[in-house]
């Protein structure tokens, strides 16, 4: 592996985050903090506990996952789309850099930014609501797996999109609604049987449930199923990226 090339692209992408610190870090942290203030501090004490967990604390994994998913997709999609838009992607493709090294660079940078943001939000949440992590290893595992998986999805979207409107289409119309309906603000066990069954077709349910289990030891779905579904989604994204480079889809024209 050409580590120098990987490092160069990775550092460039991370530097771009530093230049847009207000948009990349400060803005999402403030937005998520408002959820903690309104739902956690103001409304939370008036809500019943869910599986023995206060509502304010119950929200934390879901809100972190919501931020992680949306920003992983947007970071990776913009990271690969912008070089295509200005034409510099052809310099990368003509350089002695393999497809795997390109993916590792862009996806690694996008996932790193999302993980940093998720950890900052966790630290911020601890200022507003009581927070505990019963399974720190699995918490970090879900954090990393989710960031990498959705960064790969964002990479695919960045290749597929041919304008800025399409770049925002999937995150706004698919990823965000699925996250809101994936148990971020409630337990799917609270739903009627029919709608609970429908919710199980939402892949985000397994991510949120597994991540919440790492905090409180309770989940809507068996933890093994959550890990398995996350890995399946990761493999599907890897297959899509592999197909893109094998066929040159939207890269050679």
Protein backbone atom coordinates (compact mmCIF):
# COMPACT_ATOMS: atom_id res chain seq x y z
CA UNK A 1 0.00 0.00 0.00
CA UNK A 2 1.22 3.49 -0.92
CA UNK A 3 1.09 4.96 2.59
CA UNK A 4 2.48 8.30 1.43
CA UNK A 5 -0.40 8.78 -1.02
CA UNK A 6 -2.98 7.63 1.53
CA UNK A 7 -1.52 10.00 4.11
CA UNK A 8 -1.50 12.92 1.65
CA UNK A 9 -5.18 12.56 0.69
CA UNK A 10 -6.18 11.85 4.29
CA UNK A 11 -4.37 14.93 5.62
CA UNK A 12 -5.86 17.11 2.88
CA UNK A 13 -9.40 16.01 3.79
CA UNK A 14 -8.77 16.50 7.50
CA UNK A 15 -7.31 19.95 6.82
CA UNK A 16 -10.51 20.87 4.98
CA UNK A 17 -12.45 20.07 8.14
CA UNK A 18 -10.11 22.39 10.06
CA UNK A 19 -10.82 25.21 7.62
CA UNK A 20 -14.58 24.74 8.06
CA UNK A 21 -14.51 24.09 11.82
CA UNK A 22 -17.65 26.16 12.48
CA UNK A 23 -19.69 24.14 10.01
CA UNK A 24 -18.07 20.76 10.62
CA UNK A 25 -17.96 20.65 14.43
CA UNK A 26 -19.43 23.68 16.18
CA UNK A 27 -22.76 23.82 14.35
CA UNK A 28 -23.76 20.14 14.81
CA UNK A 29 -22.66 20.19 18.47
CA UNK A 30 -24.82 23.25 19.17
CA UNK A 31 -27.77 21.76 17.28
CA UNK A 32 -27.55 18.48 19.18
CA UNK A 33 -27.13 20.32 22.48
CA UNK A 34 -30.50 21.95 21.88
CA UNK A 35 -32.06 18.48 21.81
CA UNK A 36 -30.50 17.73 25.18
CA UNK A 37 -31.72 21.03 26.62
CA UNK A 38 -35.29 20.70 25.31
CA UNK A 39 -35.89 16.94 25.51
CA UNK A 40 -33.39 16.01 28.19
CA UNK A 41 -33.41 18.82 30.74
CA UNK A 42 -36.87 20.33 30.15
CA UNK A 43 -39.14 17.50 29.03
CA UNK A 44 -37.13 14.50 30.25
CA UNK A 45 -37.98 14.79 33.98
CA UNK A 46 -41.69 14.76 33.05
CA UNK A 47 -41.39 11.60 30.96
CA UNK A 48 -41.56 8.05 32.27
CA UNK A 49 -38.41 5.99 32.33
CA UNK A 50 -37.81 3.58 29.45
CA UNK A 51 -36.37 0.21 30.51
CA UNK A 52 -35.26 1.83 33.75
CA UNK A 53 -33.41 4.64 31.97
CA UNK A 54 -34.37 8.32 32.28
CA UNK A 55 -35.69 9.77 29.04
CA UNK A 56 -32.91 12.36 28.80
CA UNK A 57 -30.22 9.68 29.07
CA UNK A 58 -32.20 7.37 26.76
CA UNK A 59 -31.97 9.99 24.00
CA UNK A 60 -28.18 10.23 24.01
CA UNK A 61 -27.30 7.13 21.90
CA UNK A 62 -30.02 7.94 19.38
CA UNK A 63 -28.91 11.55 18.97
CA UNK A 64 -25.25 10.55 18.65
CA UNK A 65 -26.21 7.96 16.02
CA UNK A 66 -28.36 10.53 14.18
CA UNK A 67 -25.42 12.93 13.98
CA UNK A 68 -22.96 10.16 13.12
CA UNK A 69 -25.04 8.82 10.23
CA UNK A 70 -25.83 12.14 8.60
CA UNK A 71 -22.34 13.58 8.90
CA UNK A 72 -20.59 10.38 7.80
CA UNK A 73 -22.66 10.41 4.62
CA UNK A 74 -22.27 14.14 3.98
CA UNK A 75 -18.52 14.22 4.74
CA UNK A 76 -17.70 11.32 2.44
CA UNK A 77 -20.08 12.29 -0.37
CA UNK A 78 -18.81 15.88 -0.57
CA UNK A 79 -15.21 14.72 -0.15
CA UNK A 80 -15.30 12.64 -3.36
CA UNK A 81 -17.88 14.72 -5.27
CA UNK A 82 -15.96 18.01 -5.12
CA UNK A 83 -12.83 16.60 -6.87
CA UNK A 84 -15.16 15.25 -9.57
CA UNK A 85 -16.89 18.61 -9.83
CA UNK A 86 -13.65 20.60 -10.34
CA UNK A 87 -11.93 17.83 -12.34
CA UNK A 88 -9.05 17.10 -9.95
CA UNK A 89 -10.27 13.51 -9.49
CA UNK A 90 -8.51 12.61 -12.76
CA UNK A 91 -5.19 13.57 -11.21
CA UNK A 92 -5.86 11.14 -8.40
CA UNK A 93 -6.98 8.38 -10.79
CA UNK A 94 -3.90 8.82 -13.00
CA UNK A 95 -1.51 8.80 -10.03
CA UNK A 96 0.10 5.54 -8.83
CA UNK A 97 -2.67 5.08 -6.27
CA UNK A 98 -4.86 1.98 -6.19
CA UNK A 99 -8.66 2.10 -5.79
CA UNK A 100 -8.31 0.62 -2.31
CA UNK A 101 -5.93 3.42 -1.30
CA UNK A 102 -8.32 6.06 -2.65
CA UNK A 103 -11.22 4.58 -0.69
CA UNK A 104 -9.16 4.21 2.50
CA UNK A 105 -8.08 7.86 2.24
CA UNK A 106 -11.45 9.48 1.61
CA UNK A 107 -13.56 7.12 3.72
CA UNK A 108 -10.99 7.11 6.53
CA UNK A 109 -10.98 10.91 6.71
CA UNK A 110 -14.79 11.11 6.65
CA UNK A 111 -15.13 8.43 9.33
CA UNK A 112 -12.48 10.09 11.51
CA UNK A 113 -14.31 13.43 11.40
CA UNK A 114 -17.60 11.75 12.28
CA UNK A 115 -16.10 9.78 15.18
CA UNK A 116 -14.50 12.93 16.60
CA UNK A 117 -17.85 14.71 16.32
CA UNK A 118 -19.65 11.80 18.00
CA UNK A 119 -17.21 11.79 20.92
CA UNK A 120 -17.57 15.56 21.37
CA UNK A 121 -21.36 15.19 21.44
CA UNK A 122 -21.07 12.41 24.03
CA UNK A 123 -18.92 14.66 26.21
CA UNK A 124 -21.43 17.48 25.74
CA UNK A 125 -24.34 15.19 26.64
CA UNK A 126 -22.70 14.32 29.95
CA UNK A 127 -23.06 17.99 30.93
CA UNK A 128 -26.85 17.85 30.58
CA UNK A 129 -27.98 14.35 31.53
CA UNK A 130 -26.66 11.44 33.63
CA UNK A 131 -24.69 9.14 31.37
CA UNK A 132 -23.09 5.72 31.81
CA UNK A 133 -21.43 3.30 29.43
CA UNK A 134 -21.75 -0.35 30.51
CA UNK A 135 -19.89 -1.78 27.50
CA UNK A 136 -17.23 0.71 26.37
CA UNK A 137 -15.62 -1.73 23.92
CA UNK A 138 -18.89 -2.27 22.07
CA UNK A 139 -19.68 1.42 22.22
CA UNK A 140 -16.43 2.21 20.37
CA UNK A 141 -16.99 -0.74 18.02
CA UNK A 142 -20.45 0.44 16.99
CA UNK A 143 -19.17 4.01 16.69
CA UNK A 144 -16.36 2.98 14.33
CA UNK A 145 -18.38 0.44 12.33
CA UNK A 146 -21.24 2.88 11.79
CA UNK A 147 -18.94 5.74 10.82
CA UNK A 148 -17.03 3.58 8.32
CA UNK A 149 -20.16 1.97 6.87
CA UNK A 150 -22.02 5.23 6.27
CA UNK A 151 -18.88 6.93 5.02
CA UNK A 152 -18.71 4.18 2.40
CA UNK A 153 -22.36 4.87 1.60
CA UNK A 154 -21.53 8.57 1.30
CA UNK A 155 -18.63 7.72 -1.01
CA UNK A 156 -21.05 5.82 -3.28
CA UNK A 157 -23.49 8.74 -3.22
CA UNK A 158 -20.69 11.18 -4.07
CA UNK A 159 -19.81 9.08 -7.13
CA UNK A 160 -23.46 8.68 -8.18
CA UNK A 161 -24.46 12.34 -7.81
CA UNK A 162 -23.97 14.60 -10.81
CA UNK A 163 -25.08 17.83 -9.12
CA UNK A 164 -25.28 19.33 -5.63
CA UNK A 165 -29.04 18.69 -5.40
CA UNK A 166 -28.57 14.93 -5.81
CA UNK A 167 -25.74 15.07 -3.29
CA UNK A 168 -28.26 16.08 -0.61
CA UNK A 169 -31.13 13.93 -1.87
CA UNK A 170 -30.31 10.65 -0.13
CA UNK A 171 -29.24 12.13 3.25
CA UNK A 172 -32.29 14.39 3.49
CA UNK A 173 -34.98 12.12 2.08
CA UNK A 174 -33.73 8.68 3.16
CA UNK A 175 -31.03 8.64 5.85
CA UNK A 176 -32.49 11.29 8.17
CA UNK A 177 -36.12 9.98 8.07
CA UNK A 178 -34.93 6.40 8.64
CA UNK A 179 -32.91 7.58 11.64
CA UNK A 180 -35.85 9.45 13.16
CA UNK A 181 -38.06 6.38 12.62
CA UNK A 182 -35.35 4.00 13.82
CA UNK A 183 -35.93 4.36 17.54
CA UNK A 184 -33.69 7.38 18.14
CA UNK A 185 -36.34 9.06 20.32
CA UNK A 186 -38.31 6.03 21.48
CA UNK A 187 -38.17 2.29 21.98
CA UNK A 188 -39.83 0.31 19.20
CA UNK A 189 -41.26 -1.93 21.94
CA UNK A 190 -43.64 0.98 22.63
CA UNK A 191 -45.19 0.60 19.16
CA UNK A 192 -48.21 -1.57 18.30
CA UNK A 193 -47.21 -5.05 17.05
CA UNK A 194 -47.81 -4.21 13.36
CA UNK A 195 -45.67 -1.07 13.39
CA UNK A 196 -42.98 -2.79 15.43
CA UNK A 197 -42.74 -5.44 12.73
CA UNK A 198 -42.55 -2.73 10.06
CA UNK A 199 -39.77 -1.00 12.04
CA UNK A 200 -37.65 -4.16 11.88
CA UNK A 201 -37.24 -3.55 8.13
CA UNK A 202 -35.51 -0.27 8.94
CA UNK A 203 -31.73 -1.00 9.06
CA UNK A 204 -31.12 2.00 11.33
CA UNK A 205 -33.12 0.28 14.10
CA UNK A 206 -30.33 -2.28 14.50
CA UNK A 207 -27.63 0.40 14.67
CA UNK A 208 -29.43 2.51 17.26
CA UNK A 209 -30.47 -0.52 19.31
CA UNK A 210 -26.95 -1.95 19.41
CA UNK A 211 -25.41 1.40 20.25
CA UNK A 212 -27.95 1.98 23.04
CA UNK A 213 -27.24 -1.49 24.44
CA UNK A 214 -23.57 -0.56 24.81
CA UNK A 215 -24.65 2.27 27.13
CA UNK A 216 -27.44 0.80 29.24
CA UNK A 217 -27.43 -2.96 28.60
CA UNK A 218 -30.97 -2.86 27.15
CA UNK A 219 -31.95 -3.05 23.50
CA UNK A 220 -34.94 -3.49 21.21
CA UNK A 221 -33.10 -6.10 19.13
CA UNK A 222 -30.69 -8.86 20.14
CA UNK A 223 -27.15 -7.50 20.17
CA UNK A 224 -25.86 -10.32 17.93
CA UNK A 225 -28.48 -9.40 15.32
CA UNK A 226 -27.49 -5.73 15.55
CA UNK A 227 -23.81 -6.54 14.96
CA UNK A 228 -24.71 -8.92 12.13
CA UNK A 229 -26.91 -6.37 10.33
CA UNK A 230 -24.22 -3.70 10.68
CA UNK A 231 -21.64 -6.01 9.10
CA UNK A 232 -24.06 -6.95 6.29
CA UNK A 233 -24.60 -3.28 5.46
CA UNK A 234 -20.83 -2.73 5.54
CA UNK A 235 -20.27 -5.59 3.09
CA UNK A 236 -22.98 -4.27 0.74
CA UNK A 237 -21.29 -0.85 0.69
CA UNK A 238 -17.92 -2.47 -0.02
CA UNK A 239 -19.43 -4.43 -2.90
CA UNK A 240 -20.91 -1.22 -4.35
CA UNK A 241 -17.56 0.60 -4.11
CA UNK A 242 -15.78 -2.35 -5.68
CA UNK A 243 -18.24 -2.35 -8.60
CA UNK A 244 -17.73 1.40 -9.13
CA UNK A 245 -13.97 1.04 -9.54
CA UNK A 246 -14.26 -2.15 -11.58
CA UNK A 247 -16.62 -0.56 -14.11
CA UNK A 248 -15.39 3.04 -13.87
CA UNK A 249 -18.95 4.22 -13.21
CA UNK A 250 -19.05 8.05 -13.24
CA UNK A 251 -15.25 8.13 -12.93
CA UNK A 252 -14.08 7.60 -16.50
CA UNK A 253 -16.48 10.02 -18.16
